PDB file of N, CA and C in Angstrom:
ATOM      1  N   MET A   1       0.909  -1.190  -0.003  1.00  0.00           N
ATOM      2  CA  MET A   1       0.040  -0.056   0.024  1.00  0.00           C
ATOM      3  C   MET A   1       0.954   1.269  -0.007  1.00  0.00           C
ATOM      4  N   THR A   2       0.515   2.208  -0.777  1.00  0.00           N
ATOM      5  CA  THR A   2       1.345   3.421  -0.814  1.00  0.00           C
ATOM      6  C   THR A   2       1.007   4.268   0.349  1.00  0.00           C
ATOM      7  N   HIS A   3       1.847   5.274   0.580  1.00  0.00           N
ATOM      8  CA  HIS A   3       1.657   6.210   1.630  1.00  0.00           C
ATOM      9  C   HIS A   3       0.295   6.938   1.496  1.00  0.00           C
ATOM     10  N   HIS A   4       0.021   7.374   0.267  1.00  0.00           N
ATOM     11  CA  HIS A   4      -1.225   8.100   0.013  1.00  0.00           C
ATOM     12  C   HIS A   4      -2.447   7.327   0.371  1.00  0.00           C
ATOM     13  N   TRP A   5      -2.521   6.073  -0.020  1.00  0.00           N
ATOM     14  CA  TRP A   5      -3.667   5.254   0.342  1.00  0.00           C
ATOM     15  C   TRP A   5      -3.831   5.102   1.814  1.00  0.00           C
ATOM     16  N   ARG A   6      -2.722   4.952   2.498  1.00  0.00           N
ATOM     17  CA  ARG A   6      -2.673   4.770   3.978  1.00  0.00           C
ATOM     18  C   ARG A   6      -3.287   6.128   4.598  1.00  0.00           C
ATOM     19  N   VAL A   7      -2.814   7.262   4.136  1.00  0.00           N
ATOM     20  CA  VAL A   7      -3.314   8.548   4.687  1.00  0.00           C
ATOM     21  C   VAL A   7      -4.776   8.655   4.423  1.00  0.00           C
ATOM     22  N   LEU A   8      -5.307   8.320   3.255  1.00  0.00           N
ATOM     23  CA  LEU A   8      -6.705   8.444   3.026  1.00  0.00           C
ATOM     24  C   LEU A   8      -7.556   7.411   3.851  1.00  0.00           C
ATOM     25  N   ARG A   9      -7.019   6.219   4.008  1.00  0.00           N
ATOM     26  CA  ARG A   9      -7.666   5.224   4.871  1.00  0.00           C
ATOM     27  C   ARG A   9      -7.731   5.737   6.323  1.00  0.00           C
ATOM     28  N   ASP A  10      -6.607   6.144   6.829  1.00  0.00           N
ATOM     29  CA  ASP A  10      -6.519   6.605   8.198  1.00  0.00           C
ATOM     30  C   ASP A  10      -7.345   7.845   8.458  1.00  0.00           C
ATOM     31  N   ALA A  11      -7.571   8.643   7.436  1.00  0.00           N
ATOM     32  CA  ALA A  11      -8.434   9.832   7.556  1.00  0.00           C
ATOM     33  C   ALA A  11      -9.942   9.511   7.444  1.00  0.00           C
ATOM     34  N   GLY A  12     -10.241   8.284   7.102  1.00  0.00           N
ATOM     35  CA  GLY A  12     -11.662   7.813   6.981  1.00  0.00           C
ATOM     36  C   GLY A  12     -12.275   8.158   5.591  1.00  0.00           C
ATOM     37  N   VAL A  13     -11.428   8.369   4.627  1.00  0.00           N
ATOM     38  CA  VAL A  13     -11.898   8.748   3.296  1.00  0.00           C
ATOM     39  C   VAL A  13     -12.234   7.531   2.448  1.00  0.00           C
ATOM     40  N   ILE A  14     -11.453   6.452   2.632  1.00  0.00           N
ATOM     41  CA  ILE A  14     -11.621   5.209   1.889  1.00  0.00           C
ATOM     42  C   ILE A  14     -11.708   3.988   2.758  1.00  0.00           C
ATOM     43  N   TRP A  15     -12.354   2.954   2.213  1.00  0.00           N
ATOM     44  CA  TRP A  15     -12.291   1.626   2.868  1.00  0.00           C
ATOM     45  C   TRP A  15     -11.277   0.884   2.118  1.00  0.00           C
ATOM     46  N   GLN A  16     -10.577  -0.099   2.757  1.00  0.00           N
ATOM     47  CA  GLN A  16      -9.640  -0.984   2.071  1.00  0.00           C
ATOM     48  C   GLN A  16      -9.984  -2.426   2.578  1.00  0.00           C
ATOM     49  N   ARG A  17     -10.078  -3.317   1.602  1.00  0.00           N
ATOM     50  CA  ARG A  17     -10.328  -4.688   2.006  1.00  0.00           C
ATOM     51  C   ARG A  17      -9.523  -5.570   1.045  1.00  0.00           C
ATOM     52  N   PRO A  18      -8.993  -6.666   1.606  1.00  0.00           N
ATOM     53  CA  PRO A  18      -8.214  -7.567   0.800  1.00  0.00           C
ATOM     54  C   PRO A  18      -9.077  -8.325  -0.199  1.00  0.00           C
ATOM     55  N   TYR A  19      -8.498  -8.595  -1.324  1.00  0.00           N
ATOM     56  CA  TYR A  19      -9.176  -9.401  -2.373  1.00  0.00           C
ATOM     57  C   TYR A  19      -8.113 -10.204  -3.085  1.00  0.00           C
ATOM     58  N   GLY A  20      -7.998 -11.460  -2.653  1.00  0.00           N
ATOM     59  CA  GLY A  20      -6.825 -12.252  -3.216  1.00  0.00           C
ATOM     60  C   GLY A  20      -5.512 -11.651  -2.848  1.00  0.00           C
ATOM     61  N   ARG A  21      -4.680 -11.356  -3.831  1.00  0.00           N
ATOM     62  CA  ARG A  21      -3.417 -10.751  -3.653  1.00  0.00           C
ATOM     63  C   ARG A  21      -3.448  -9.248  -3.804  1.00  0.00           C
ATOM     64  N   GLU A  22      -4.623  -8.704  -3.924  1.00  0.00           N
ATOM     65  CA  GLU A  22      -4.734  -7.246  -4.156  1.00  0.00           C
ATOM     66  C   GLU A  22      -5.590  -6.706  -3.025  1.00  0.00           C
ATOM     67  N   ASN A  23      -5.754  -5.375  -2.971  1.00  0.00           N
ATOM     68  CA  ASN A  23      -6.602  -4.655  -2.079  1.00  0.00           C
ATOM     69  C   ASN A  23      -7.637  -3.848  -2.874  1.00  0.00           C
ATOM     70  N   LEU A  24      -8.923  -3.958  -2.493  1.00  0.00           N
ATOM     71  CA  LEU A  24      -9.897  -3.186  -3.134  1.00  0.00           C
ATOM     72  C   LEU A  24     -10.101  -1.923  -2.336  1.00  0.00           C
ATOM     73  N   LEU A  25     -10.192  -0.777  -3.003  1.00  0.00           N
ATOM     74  CA  LEU A  25     -10.395   0.504  -2.281  1.00  0.00           C
ATOM     75  C   LEU A  25     -11.748   1.063  -2.685  1.00  0.00           C
ATOM     76  N   SER A  26     -12.487   1.597  -1.731  1.00  0.00           N
ATOM     77  CA  SER A  26     -13.796   2.214  -2.094  1.00  0.00           C
ATOM     78  C   SER A  26     -13.982   3.485  -1.259  1.00  0.00           C
ATOM     79  N   LEU A  27     -14.618   4.469  -1.825  1.00  0.00           N
ATOM     80  CA  LEU A  27     -14.878   5.719  -1.145  1.00  0.00           C
ATOM     81  C   LEU A  27     -15.916   5.510  -0.054  1.00  0.00           C
ATOM     82  N   ARG A  28     -15.736   6.135   1.047  1.00  0.00           N
ATOM     83  CA  ARG A  28     -16.688   6.060   2.230  1.00  0.00           C
ATOM     84  C   ARG A  28     -17.654   7.222   2.051  1.00  0.00           C
ATOM     85  N   LYS A  29     -18.504   7.086   1.020  1.00  0.00           N
ATOM     86  CA  LYS A  29     -19.419   8.195   0.684  1.00  0.00           C
ATOM     87  C   LYS A  29     -20.282   8.594   1.851  1.00  0.00           C
ATOM     88  N   GLU A  30     -20.927   7.640   2.471  1.00  0.00           N
ATOM     89  CA  GLU A  30     -21.889   7.972   3.539  1.00  0.00           C
ATOM     90  C   GLU A  30     -21.132   8.723   4.681  1.00  0.00           C
ATOM     91  N   ASP A  31     -19.983   8.217   5.053  1.00  0.00           N
ATOM     92  CA  ASP A  31     -19.206   8.887   6.121  1.00  0.00           C
ATOM     93  C   ASP A  31     -18.834  10.316   5.704  1.00  0.00           C
ATOM     94  N   LEU A  32     -18.391  10.489   4.441  1.00  0.00           N
ATOM     95  CA  LEU A  32     -18.045  11.825   4.021  1.00  0.00           C
ATOM     96  C   LEU A  32     -19.255  12.710   3.869  1.00  0.00           C
ATOM     97  N   ASP A  33     -20.411  12.151   3.508  1.00  0.00           N
ATOM     98  CA  ASP A  33     -21.647  12.965   3.440  1.00  0.00           C
ATOM     99  C   ASP A  33     -22.104  13.425   4.829  1.00  0.00           C
ATOM    100  N   ASP A  34     -21.837  12.598   5.846  1.00  0.00           N
ATOM    101  CA  ASP A  34     -22.143  12.964   7.193  1.00  0.00           C
ATOM    102  C   ASP A  34     -21.275  14.208   7.729  1.00  0.00           C
ATOM    103  N   ARG A  35     -19.976  14.099   7.298  1.00  0.00           N
ATOM    104  CA  ARG A  35     -19.075  15.199   7.678  1.00  0.00           C
ATOM    105  C   ARG A  35     -19.101  16.419   6.852  1.00  0.00           C
ATOM    106  N   PHE A  36     -19.363  16.221   5.559  1.00  0.00           N
ATOM    107  CA  PHE A  36     -19.327  17.369   4.564  1.00  0.00           C
ATOM    108  C   PHE A  36     -20.523  17.170   3.657  1.00  0.00           C
ATOM    109  N   PRO A  37     -21.729  17.502   4.183  1.00  0.00           N
ATOM    110  CA  PRO A  37     -22.997  17.305   3.323  1.00  0.00           C
ATOM    111  C   PRO A  37     -22.942  17.946   1.973  1.00  0.00           C
ATOM    112  N   GLY A  38     -23.157  17.159   0.950  1.00  0.00           N
ATOM    113  CA  GLY A  38     -23.310  17.630  -0.391  1.00  0.00           C
ATOM    114  C   GLY A  38     -21.998  17.764  -1.127  1.00  0.00           C
ATOM    115  N   LEU A  39     -20.865  17.542  -0.519  1.00  0.00           N
ATOM    116  CA  LEU A  39     -19.590  17.675  -1.146  1.00  0.00           C
ATOM    117  C   LEU A  39     -19.371  16.717  -2.301  1.00  0.00           C
ATOM    118  N   ILE A  40     -19.608  15.429  -2.036  1.00  0.00           N
ATOM    119  CA  ILE A  40     -19.354  14.395  -3.111  1.00  0.00           C
ATOM    120  C   ILE A  40     -20.288  14.627  -4.296  1.00  0.00           C
ATOM    121  N   ASP A  41     -21.569  14.909  -3.999  1.00  0.00           N
ATOM    122  CA  ASP A  41     -22.541  15.151  -5.060  1.00  0.00           C
ATOM    123  C   ASP A  41     -22.117  16.419  -5.870  1.00  0.00           C
ATOM    124  N   SER A  42     -21.692  17.420  -5.233  1.00  0.00           N
ATOM    125  CA  SER A  42     -21.245  18.675  -5.929  1.00  0.00           C
ATOM    126  C   SER A  42     -20.028  18.309  -6.834  1.00  0.00           C
ATOM    127  N   LEU A  43     -19.057  17.583  -6.322  1.00  0.00           N
ATOM    128  CA  LEU A  43     -17.901  17.177  -7.094  1.00  0.00           C
ATOM    129  C   LEU A  43     -18.292  16.375  -8.273  1.00  0.00           C
ATOM    130  N   LEU A  44     -19.138  15.353  -8.078  1.00  0.00           N
ATOM    131  CA  LEU A  44     -19.589  14.503  -9.180  1.00  0.00           C
ATOM    132  C   LEU A  44     -20.326  15.273 -10.205  1.00  0.00           C
ATOM    133  N   SER A  45     -21.151  16.234  -9.818  1.00  0.00           N
ATOM    134  CA  SER A  45     -21.918  17.075 -10.743  1.00  0.00           C
ATOM    135  C   SER A  45     -20.938  17.912 -11.586  1.00  0.00           C
ATOM    136  N   ALA A  46     -19.898  18.480 -10.952  1.00  0.00           N
ATOM    137  CA  ALA A  46     -18.920  19.234 -11.769  1.00  0.00           C
ATOM    138  C   ALA A  46     -18.156  18.410 -12.747  1.00  0.00           C
ATOM    139  N   VAL A  47     -17.835  17.134 -12.303  1.00  0.00           N
ATOM    140  CA  VAL A  47     -17.102  16.234 -13.196  1.00  0.00           C
ATOM    141  C   VAL A  47     -17.957  15.825 -14.368  1.00  0.00           C
ATOM    142  N   ARG A  48     -19.230  15.604 -14.072  1.00  0.00           N
ATOM    143  CA  ARG A  48     -20.154  15.162 -15.154  1.00  0.00           C
ATOM    144  C   ARG A  48     -20.278  16.235 -16.280  1.00  0.00           C
ATOM    145  N   HIS A  49     -20.083  17.516 -15.905  1.00  0.00           N
ATOM    146  CA  HIS A  49     -20.222  18.551 -16.883  1.00  0.00           C
ATOM    147  C   HIS A  49     -18.932  18.962 -17.529  1.00  0.00           C
ATOM    148  N   ASP A  50     -17.906  18.403 -17.162  1.00  0.00           N
ATOM    149  CA  ASP A  50     -16.516  18.652 -17.738  1.00  0.00           C
ATOM    150  C   ASP A  50     -16.396  18.017 -19.092  1.00  0.00           C
ATOM    151  N   PRO A  51     -16.047  18.776 -20.117  1.00  0.00           N
ATOM    152  CA  PRO A  51     -15.898  18.261 -21.473  1.00  0.00           C
ATOM    153  C   PRO A  51     -14.894  17.113 -21.622  1.00  0.00           C
ATOM    154  N   LEU A  52     -13.785  17.202 -20.933  1.00  0.00           N
ATOM    155  CA  LEU A  52     -12.764  16.172 -21.048  1.00  0.00           C
ATOM    156  C   LEU A  52     -13.295  14.861 -20.456  1.00  0.00           C
ATOM    157  N   THR A  53     -13.920  15.003 -19.273  1.00  0.00           N
ATOM    158  CA  THR A  53     -14.500  13.790 -18.662  1.00  0.00           C
ATOM    159  C   THR A  53     -15.560  13.100 -19.529  1.00  0.00           C
ATOM    160  N   ARG A  54     -16.432  13.965 -20.188  1.00  0.00           N
ATOM    161  CA  ARG A  54     -17.397  13.386 -21.059  1.00  0.00           C
ATOM    162  C   ARG A  54     -16.782  12.654 -22.207  1.00  0.00           C
ATOM    163  N   GLU A  55     -15.680  13.207 -22.760  1.00  0.00           N
ATOM    164  CA  GLU A  55     -14.937  12.595 -23.860  1.00  0.00           C
ATOM    165  C   GLU A  55     -14.392  11.235 -23.388  1.00  0.00           C
ATOM    166  N   MET A  56     -13.805  11.190 -22.201  1.00  0.00           N
ATOM    167  CA  MET A  56     -13.199   9.999 -21.719  1.00  0.00           C
ATOM    168  C   MET A  56     -14.207   8.897 -21.394  1.00  0.00           C
ATOM    169  N   VAL A  57     -15.415   9.343 -20.880  1.00  0.00           N
ATOM    170  CA  VAL A  57     -16.515   8.390 -20.641  1.00  0.00           C
ATOM    171  C   VAL A  57     -17.009   7.826 -21.978  1.00  0.00           C
ATOM    172  N   ALA A  58     -17.110   8.704 -23.034  1.00  0.00           N
ATOM    173  CA  ALA A  58     -17.529   8.219 -24.287  1.00  0.00           C
ATOM    174  C   ALA A  58     -16.567   7.188 -24.930  1.00  0.00           C
ATOM    175  N   MET A  59     -15.305   7.296 -24.522  1.00  0.00           N
ATOM    176  CA  MET A  59     -14.288   6.368 -25.042  1.00  0.00           C
ATOM    177  C   MET A  59     -14.163   5.125 -24.035  1.00  0.00           C
ATOM    178  N   ASN A  60     -15.013   5.040 -23.103  1.00  0.00           N
ATOM    179  CA  ASN A  60     -15.028   4.036 -22.085  1.00  0.00           C
ATOM    180  C   ASN A  60     -13.766   3.925 -21.274  1.00  0.00           C
ATOM    181  N   GLU A  61     -13.115   5.070 -20.991  1.00  0.00           N
ATOM    182  CA  GLU A  61     -11.854   5.074 -20.275  1.00  0.00           C
ATOM    183  C   GLU A  61     -12.163   5.310 -18.731  1.00  0.00           C
ATOM    184  N   VAL A  62     -13.248   5.957 -18.427  1.00  0.00           N
ATOM    185  CA  VAL A  62     -13.630   6.195 -17.032  1.00  0.00           C
ATOM    186  C   VAL A  62     -15.121   6.035 -16.835  1.00  0.00           C
ATOM    187  N   THR A  63     -15.570   5.834 -15.665  1.00  0.00           N
ATOM    188  CA  THR A  63     -17.036   5.922 -15.308  1.00  0.00           C
ATOM    189  C   THR A  63     -17.283   6.941 -14.355  1.00  0.00           C
ATOM    190  N   VAL A  64     -18.402   7.573 -14.408  1.00  0.00           N
ATOM    191  CA  VAL A  64     -18.741   8.671 -13.466  1.00  0.00           C
ATOM    192  C   VAL A  64     -20.115   8.351 -12.887  1.00  0.00           C
TER     193      VAL A  64
END
């Protein structure tokens, strides 16, 4: 695990769970919404309206 993932995990931003020889990381959206109401939805809304993100989604490179 990198230092950055450890910092995010220790700060309560992500969950980490083992999956075979790898670790799965997921955003702790509910916990973040409790601490910062509306932040994640606001960020996702901004990303959805970004032209570069729309282009990458169209190319199946990312999901939003």
